[in-house]
Amino acid sequence: MENVISEWLRCPVCGNKTRLQLRADAELKNFLLYCPKCRQKSLIDVEDFIFNPPKTAVCRVL
């Protein structure tokens, strides 16, 4: 079995871990990431563990 590197996704607002893990070979495009600690949603792009925020970065949760 091959070892695949994975990391927890961190909130771009507060920096805490979210409930999602990302594998090294995965890419996210226009992904809505929710942080349970600061209760904010962030629209993100991830490629090779590098966050690239789209133009509309943060939306406040009601």
N, C-alpha and C. Protein backbone atom coordinates (compact mmCIF):
# COMPACT_ATOMS: atom_id res chain seq x y z
N MET A 1 0.84 -1.17 0.00
CA MET A 1 0.00 0.00 0.00
C MET A 1 0.89 1.24 0.00
N GLU A 2 0.53 2.19 -0.80
CA GLU A 2 1.31 3.40 -0.98
C GLU A 2 0.94 4.44 0.08
N ASN A 3 1.94 5.08 0.67
CA ASN A 3 1.68 6.15 1.64
C ASN A 3 1.41 7.45 0.90
N VAL A 4 0.26 8.03 1.14
CA VAL A 4 -0.13 9.28 0.50
C VAL A 4 -0.10 10.37 1.56
N ILE A 5 0.56 11.46 1.27
CA ILE A 5 0.63 12.58 2.21
C ILE A 5 -0.71 13.29 2.24
N SER A 6 -1.18 13.57 3.44
CA SER A 6 -2.43 14.33 3.58
C SER A 6 -2.26 15.31 4.73
N GLU A 7 -2.96 16.42 4.64
CA GLU A 7 -2.92 17.45 5.67
C GLU A 7 -4.33 17.93 5.95
N TRP A 8 -4.53 18.43 7.16
CA TRP A 8 -5.81 19.03 7.51
C TRP A 8 -5.90 20.38 6.83
N LEU A 9 -7.08 20.69 6.30
CA LEU A 9 -7.29 22.02 5.74
C LEU A 9 -7.43 22.99 6.91
N ARG A 10 -6.79 24.13 6.80
CA ARG A 10 -6.86 25.15 7.83
C ARG A 10 -7.68 26.34 7.35
N CYS A 11 -8.38 26.95 8.26
CA CYS A 11 -9.22 28.09 7.95
C CYS A 11 -8.34 29.27 7.53
N PRO A 12 -8.62 29.91 6.39
CA PRO A 12 -7.82 31.07 5.98
C PRO A 12 -8.08 32.31 6.84
N VAL A 13 -9.15 32.31 7.63
CA VAL A 13 -9.48 33.46 8.47
C VAL A 13 -8.79 33.36 9.83
N CYS A 14 -9.00 32.23 10.55
CA CYS A 14 -8.45 32.10 11.90
C CYS A 14 -7.26 31.15 12.00
N GLY A 15 -7.03 30.31 10.98
CA GLY A 15 -5.87 29.43 10.98
C GLY A 15 -6.05 28.11 11.70
N ASN A 16 -7.24 27.84 12.22
CA ASN A 16 -7.48 26.58 12.92
C ASN A 16 -7.83 25.47 11.94
N LYS A 17 -7.70 24.23 12.41
CA LYS A 17 -8.03 23.08 11.58
C LYS A 17 -9.53 23.02 11.33
N THR A 18 -9.90 22.63 10.12
CA THR A 18 -11.30 22.38 9.81
C THR A 18 -11.54 20.88 9.92
N ARG A 19 -12.69 20.43 9.49
CA ARG A 19 -13.01 19.00 9.60
C ARG A 19 -12.64 18.22 8.35
N LEU A 20 -11.87 18.81 7.45
CA LEU A 20 -11.53 18.16 6.19
C LEU A 20 -10.03 17.91 6.08
N GLN A 21 -9.69 16.75 5.53
CA GLN A 21 -8.31 16.44 5.20
C GLN A 21 -8.16 16.45 3.69
N LEU A 22 -7.01 16.91 3.23
CA LEU A 22 -6.74 17.00 1.81
C LEU A 22 -5.52 16.15 1.48
N ARG A 23 -5.66 15.31 0.47
CA ARG A 23 -4.54 14.49 0.01
C ARG A 23 -3.65 15.31 -0.91
N ALA A 24 -2.41 14.89 -1.06
CA ALA A 24 -1.44 15.62 -1.88
C ALA A 24 -1.83 15.63 -3.35
N ASP A 25 -2.55 14.62 -3.82
CA ASP A 25 -2.90 14.54 -5.24
C ASP A 25 -4.28 15.14 -5.54
N ALA A 26 -4.89 15.83 -4.56
CA ALA A 26 -6.23 16.41 -4.74
C ALA A 26 -6.13 17.90 -5.06
N GLU A 27 -7.10 18.37 -5.83
CA GLU A 27 -7.23 19.79 -6.14
C GLU A 27 -8.65 20.23 -5.87
N LEU A 28 -8.82 21.43 -5.34
CA LEU A 28 -10.14 21.99 -5.09
C LEU A 28 -10.28 23.27 -5.89
N LYS A 29 -11.41 23.43 -6.55
CA LYS A 29 -11.71 24.64 -7.31
C LYS A 29 -13.05 25.19 -6.82
N ASN A 30 -13.06 26.44 -6.41
CA ASN A 30 -14.27 27.10 -5.91
C ASN A 30 -14.94 26.27 -4.82
N PHE A 31 -14.17 25.86 -3.81
CA PHE A 31 -14.67 25.03 -2.72
C PHE A 31 -15.09 25.92 -1.56
N LEU A 32 -16.28 25.70 -1.04
CA LEU A 32 -16.79 26.48 0.08
C LEU A 32 -16.38 25.77 1.38
N LEU A 33 -15.40 26.34 2.06
CA LEU A 33 -14.84 25.75 3.28
C LEU A 33 -15.49 26.41 4.49
N TYR A 34 -16.02 25.59 5.41
CA TYR A 34 -16.66 26.09 6.63
C TYR A 34 -15.75 25.82 7.82
N CYS A 35 -15.55 26.82 8.65
CA CYS A 35 -14.76 26.67 9.87
C CYS A 35 -15.70 26.62 11.06
N PRO A 36 -15.69 25.51 11.82
CA PRO A 36 -16.59 25.41 12.97
C PRO A 36 -16.20 26.32 14.13
N LYS A 37 -14.96 26.77 14.19
CA LYS A 37 -14.53 27.61 15.30
C LYS A 37 -14.95 29.08 15.10
N CYS A 38 -14.59 29.67 13.96
CA CYS A 38 -14.95 31.08 13.74
C CYS A 38 -16.28 31.23 13.00
N ARG A 39 -16.88 30.13 12.59
CA ARG A 39 -18.19 30.08 11.95
C ARG A 39 -18.28 30.95 10.69
N GLN A 40 -17.23 30.88 9.89
CA GLN A 40 -17.23 31.61 8.63
C GLN A 40 -17.03 30.65 7.48
N LYS A 41 -17.56 31.04 6.33
CA LYS A 41 -17.38 30.28 5.11
C LYS A 41 -16.36 31.02 4.25
N SER A 42 -15.48 30.25 3.61
CA SER A 42 -14.48 30.84 2.73
C SER A 42 -14.49 30.08 1.42
N LEU A 43 -14.51 30.80 0.33
CA LEU A 43 -14.44 30.21 -0.99
C LEU A 43 -12.97 30.12 -1.36
N ILE A 44 -12.45 28.88 -1.56
CA ILE A 44 -11.02 28.70 -1.77
C ILE A 44 -10.74 27.83 -2.99
N ASP A 45 -9.52 27.94 -3.48
CA ASP A 45 -8.94 27.04 -4.47
C ASP A 45 -7.67 26.48 -3.83
N VAL A 46 -7.45 25.17 -3.94
CA VAL A 46 -6.26 24.55 -3.38
C VAL A 46 -5.62 23.68 -4.45
N GLU A 47 -4.31 23.86 -4.62
CA GLU A 47 -3.54 23.05 -5.54
C GLU A 47 -2.17 22.82 -4.93
N ASP A 48 -1.77 21.56 -4.73
CA ASP A 48 -0.49 21.20 -4.10
C ASP A 48 -0.35 21.84 -2.71
N PHE A 49 -1.41 21.80 -1.90
CA PHE A 49 -1.45 22.34 -0.55
C PHE A 49 -1.25 23.86 -0.50
N ILE A 50 -1.46 24.56 -1.60
CA ILE A 50 -1.32 26.02 -1.65
C ILE A 50 -2.69 26.63 -1.84
N PHE A 51 -3.10 27.50 -0.91
CA PHE A 51 -4.40 28.17 -0.98
C PHE A 51 -4.30 29.33 -1.96
N ASN A 52 -5.25 29.41 -2.86
CA ASN A 52 -5.38 30.52 -3.78
C ASN A 52 -6.80 31.05 -3.66
N PRO A 53 -7.00 32.12 -2.87
CA PRO A 53 -8.37 32.61 -2.69
C PRO A 53 -8.91 33.25 -3.96
N PRO A 54 -10.14 32.90 -4.37
CA PRO A 54 -10.76 33.57 -5.51
C PRO A 54 -11.07 35.03 -5.19
N LYS A 55 -11.67 35.74 -6.11
CA LYS A 55 -11.93 37.17 -5.94
C LYS A 55 -12.85 37.46 -4.76
N THR A 56 -13.90 36.64 -4.57
CA THR A 56 -14.78 36.80 -3.42
C THR A 56 -14.31 35.83 -2.35
N ALA A 57 -13.56 36.30 -1.40
CA ALA A 57 -12.86 35.42 -0.48
C ALA A 57 -13.71 34.94 0.70
N VAL A 58 -14.38 35.83 1.42
CA VAL A 58 -15.03 35.43 2.66
C VAL A 58 -16.48 35.89 2.66
N CYS A 59 -17.38 35.00 3.07
CA CYS A 59 -18.79 35.31 3.23
C CYS A 59 -19.15 35.07 4.70
N ARG A 60 -19.85 35.94 5.31
CA ARG A 60 -20.24 35.80 6.71
C ARG A 60 -21.44 34.87 6.84
N VAL A 61 -21.38 33.96 7.81
CA VAL A 61 -22.48 33.02 8.07
C VAL A 61 -23.52 33.68 8.94
N LEU A 62 -24.77 33.48 8.60
CA LEU A 62 -25.87 34.05 9.43
C LEU A 62 -26.15 33.18 10.61
